[in-house]
Amino acid sequence: MEQVERLSQAYSQAPWRKQLQIVGLFLLVVVFIALIASIYLNVSARSAAIGREIQRMQWRLLNDVQQISDLQAELGALYSADEMEKRARGLGFAPVDPEETLFLLVQGYVTRQPARLAPNYQAQVVGAPVLPATYTESLFVWLQKQFNRVVFPFFKVRQ
C-alpha cells in the first residue's frame, strides 16, 4: 500500500502545474484563433483591393466607350451632307447641273474594281472515311457478341 502511495505521489502534479497547463492550452487556443482571424483579414483586404481595382477599370472602360461614342458622333457631323457642302464651297467648288457636265470616254481607262476581301465560297464535298466492317458495329453489339461467345458454350447440349 505504501508503494502505491509513493507512485501516486510521484506522478501526481502540483496544482500550479495543472494551472500552468490550463493557461498554456488557453493561450494556444487564443493564438490559433488570432492566426485564423489574421488570415481572414488578409484575404478580405486583398479581395477588397481587387474589387476596387475592378471598379476602377470598369469606370475607365465606360469612360473610353463614352469618348469613342462622342468622337463617332463628331465624325458623323463632319461627314454630314450639309457640312461637306460647306467645306466644298469653301474650297471653291460649286454645284453643277447634270446637263452641263461633259463625260469623256478615255481609251484604256479601267474603272475601279470593287474590293475583293475574301475568295468566293465554294462548297467542298468531303468523302466519308471508309471504315472496315469490324468498326461499324456499336459498343453494345460488340459486348453482346463477346458475352454470347463466352457464356453460351457452357449451355450447349452435349449428346
Protein backbone atom coordinates (compact mmCIF):
# COMPACT_ATOMS: atom_id res chain seq x y z
CA MET A 1 0.00 0.00 0.00
CA GLU A 2 2.84 2.28 0.78
CA GLN A 3 4.30 1.65 -2.63
CA VAL A 4 1.04 2.71 -4.31
CA GLU A 5 1.06 5.94 -2.32
CA ARG A 6 4.62 6.66 -3.36
CA LEU A 7 3.79 6.07 -7.05
CA SER A 8 0.68 8.20 -6.73
CA GLN A 9 2.65 10.98 -5.03
CA ALA A 10 5.46 10.77 -7.59
CA TYR A 11 3.13 11.05 -10.57
CA SER A 12 0.62 13.48 -9.16
CA GLN A 13 1.21 17.02 -10.27
CA ALA A 14 1.33 20.10 -8.18
CA PRO A 15 -1.71 22.41 -8.51
CA TRP A 16 0.40 25.19 -10.05
CA ARG A 17 1.49 22.81 -12.84
CA LYS A 18 -2.12 21.99 -13.68
CA GLN A 19 -2.97 25.71 -13.73
CA LEU A 20 0.05 26.39 -15.95
CA GLN A 21 -1.10 23.70 -18.38
CA ILE A 22 -4.61 25.17 -18.50
CA VAL A 23 -3.22 28.68 -19.12
CA GLY A 24 -0.90 27.30 -21.84
CA LEU A 25 -3.79 25.49 -23.52
CA PHE A 26 -5.92 28.66 -23.34
CA LEU A 27 -3.09 30.72 -24.90
CA LEU A 28 -2.69 28.12 -27.63
CA VAL A 29 -6.39 28.43 -28.48
CA VAL A 30 -6.12 32.24 -28.48
CA VAL A 31 -3.08 32.13 -30.79
CA PHE A 32 -4.89 29.73 -33.12
CA ILE A 33 -7.96 32.00 -33.25
CA ALA A 34 -5.73 35.04 -33.88
CA LEU A 35 -4.00 33.17 -36.71
CA ILE A 36 -7.31 32.30 -38.35
CA ALA A 37 -8.53 35.90 -37.90
CA SER A 38 -5.36 37.32 -39.47
CA ILE A 39 -5.72 35.00 -42.49
CA TYR A 40 -9.36 36.06 -42.84
CA LEU A 41 -8.46 39.75 -42.64
CA ASN A 42 -5.65 39.31 -45.17
CA VAL A 43 -7.97 37.61 -47.67
CA SER A 44 -10.68 40.22 -47.06
CA ALA A 45 -8.25 43.09 -47.60
CA ARG A 46 -6.93 41.57 -50.82
CA SER A 47 -10.41 40.92 -52.19
CA ALA A 48 -11.49 44.48 -51.31
CA ALA A 49 -8.43 45.91 -53.08
CA ILE A 50 -9.04 43.77 -56.15
CA GLY A 51 -12.73 44.76 -56.11
CA ARG A 52 -11.76 48.45 -56.07
CA GLU A 53 -9.34 47.87 -58.95
CA ILE A 54 -12.10 46.14 -60.94
CA GLN A 55 -14.43 49.06 -60.30
CA ARG A 56 -11.71 51.49 -61.41
CA MET A 57 -11.15 49.51 -64.62
CA GLN A 58 -14.88 49.36 -65.33
CA TRP A 59 -15.11 53.13 -64.87
CA ARG A 60 -12.19 53.62 -67.30
CA LEU A 61 -13.86 51.29 -69.79
CA LEU A 62 -17.15 53.20 -69.59
CA ASN A 63 -15.25 56.47 -69.92
CA ASP A 64 -13.43 55.20 -73.02
CA VAL A 65 -16.68 53.95 -74.56
CA GLN A 66 -18.22 57.38 -73.95
CA GLN A 67 -15.24 59.10 -75.60
CA ILE A 68 -15.44 56.77 -78.61
CA SER A 69 -19.17 57.49 -78.94
CA ASP A 70 -18.51 61.25 -78.75
CA LEU A 71 -15.80 61.01 -81.42
CA GLN A 72 -18.05 58.92 -83.69
CA ALA A 73 -20.83 61.49 -83.30
CA GLU A 74 -18.36 64.28 -84.12
CA LEU A 75 -17.12 62.34 -87.17
CA GLY A 76 -20.71 61.81 -88.31
CA ALA A 77 -21.36 65.52 -88.00
CA LEU A 78 -18.20 66.31 -90.01
CA TYR A 79 -19.23 63.93 -92.81
CA SER A 80 -22.85 65.06 -92.94
CA ALA A 81 -24.11 66.35 -96.30
CA ASP A 82 -24.51 69.93 -95.07
CA GLU A 83 -21.02 70.06 -93.59
CA MET A 84 -19.44 68.50 -96.68
CA GLU A 85 -21.24 71.03 -98.89
CA LYS A 86 -19.96 73.93 -96.76
CA ARG A 87 -16.40 72.61 -96.95
CA ALA A 88 -16.65 72.09 -100.72
CA ARG A 89 -17.92 75.64 -101.24
CA GLY A 90 -15.09 76.88 -99.00
CA LEU A 91 -12.59 75.13 -101.30
CA GLY A 92 -14.11 76.79 -104.37
CA PHE A 93 -16.35 74.05 -105.68
CA ALA A 94 -19.81 74.92 -106.96
CA PRO A 95 -22.85 72.74 -107.67
CA VAL A 96 -23.14 71.68 -111.32
CA ASP A 97 -26.26 70.94 -113.32
CA PRO A 98 -26.13 67.38 -114.69
CA GLU A 99 -27.00 68.74 -118.16
CA GLU A 100 -23.87 70.92 -118.10
CA THR A 101 -21.47 68.11 -117.30
CA LEU A 102 -19.39 66.57 -120.06
CA PHE A 103 -18.42 62.93 -119.85
CA LEU A 104 -15.36 61.81 -121.79
CA LEU A 105 -14.61 58.26 -122.79
CA VAL A 106 -10.89 57.54 -122.45
CA GLN A 107 -9.30 54.60 -124.23
CA GLY A 108 -7.63 52.10 -121.89
CA TYR A 109 -9.16 53.51 -118.72
CA VAL A 110 -10.40 50.75 -116.48
CA THR A 111 -12.91 51.64 -113.82
CA ARG A 112 -12.07 50.86 -110.29
CA GLN A 113 -12.94 47.30 -109.40
CA PRO A 114 -14.75 46.60 -106.15
CA ALA A 115 -12.55 45.34 -103.36
CA ARG A 116 -12.44 41.59 -103.06
CA LEU A 117 -11.88 40.83 -99.41
CA ALA A 118 -12.27 37.08 -99.48
CA PRO A 119 -12.32 34.38 -102.13
CA ASN A 120 -15.69 33.17 -103.38
CA TYR A 121 -17.15 30.40 -101.29
CA GLN A 122 -17.10 27.01 -102.93
CA ALA A 123 -18.63 24.14 -101.09
CA GLN A 124 -16.21 21.27 -100.89
CA VAL A 125 -17.58 17.79 -100.76
CA VAL A 126 -15.61 15.70 -98.34
CA GLY A 127 -15.96 11.98 -98.72
CA ALA A 128 -16.85 9.96 -95.70
CA PRO A 129 -13.98 7.85 -94.42
CA VAL A 130 -14.25 4.19 -95.26
CA LEU A 131 -14.22 2.05 -92.15
CA PRO A 132 -13.72 -1.68 -92.04
CA ALA A 133 -16.82 -3.67 -91.18
CA THR A 134 -15.35 -4.55 -87.78
CA TYR A 135 -15.55 -0.90 -86.74
CA THR A 136 -19.13 -0.30 -87.83
CA GLU A 137 -20.88 -2.14 -85.04
CA SER A 138 -21.74 -0.35 -81.83
CA LEU A 139 -20.11 -0.99 -78.49
CA PHE A 140 -23.23 -2.66 -77.11
CA VAL A 141 -23.50 -5.05 -80.05
CA TRP A 142 -19.82 -5.94 -79.70
CA LEU A 143 -20.21 -6.53 -75.94
CA GLN A 144 -23.26 -8.71 -76.55
CA LYS A 145 -21.33 -10.82 -79.06
CA GLN A 146 -18.43 -11.20 -76.65
CA PHE A 147 -20.81 -12.15 -73.84
CA ASN A 148 -22.60 -14.71 -76.02
CA ARG A 149 -19.29 -16.22 -77.15
CA VAL A 150 -18.13 -16.67 -73.55
CA VAL A 151 -21.38 -17.71 -71.85
CA PHE A 152 -23.26 -19.86 -74.38
CA PRO A 153 -20.62 -22.57 -74.83
CA PHE A 154 -21.41 -23.62 -71.26
CA PHE A 155 -25.11 -24.09 -72.07
CA LYS A 156 -24.68 -26.21 -75.19
CA VAL A 157 -26.37 -29.58 -75.00
CA ARG A 158 -23.88 -32.37 -75.36
CA GLN A 159 -25.06 -35.72 -76.62
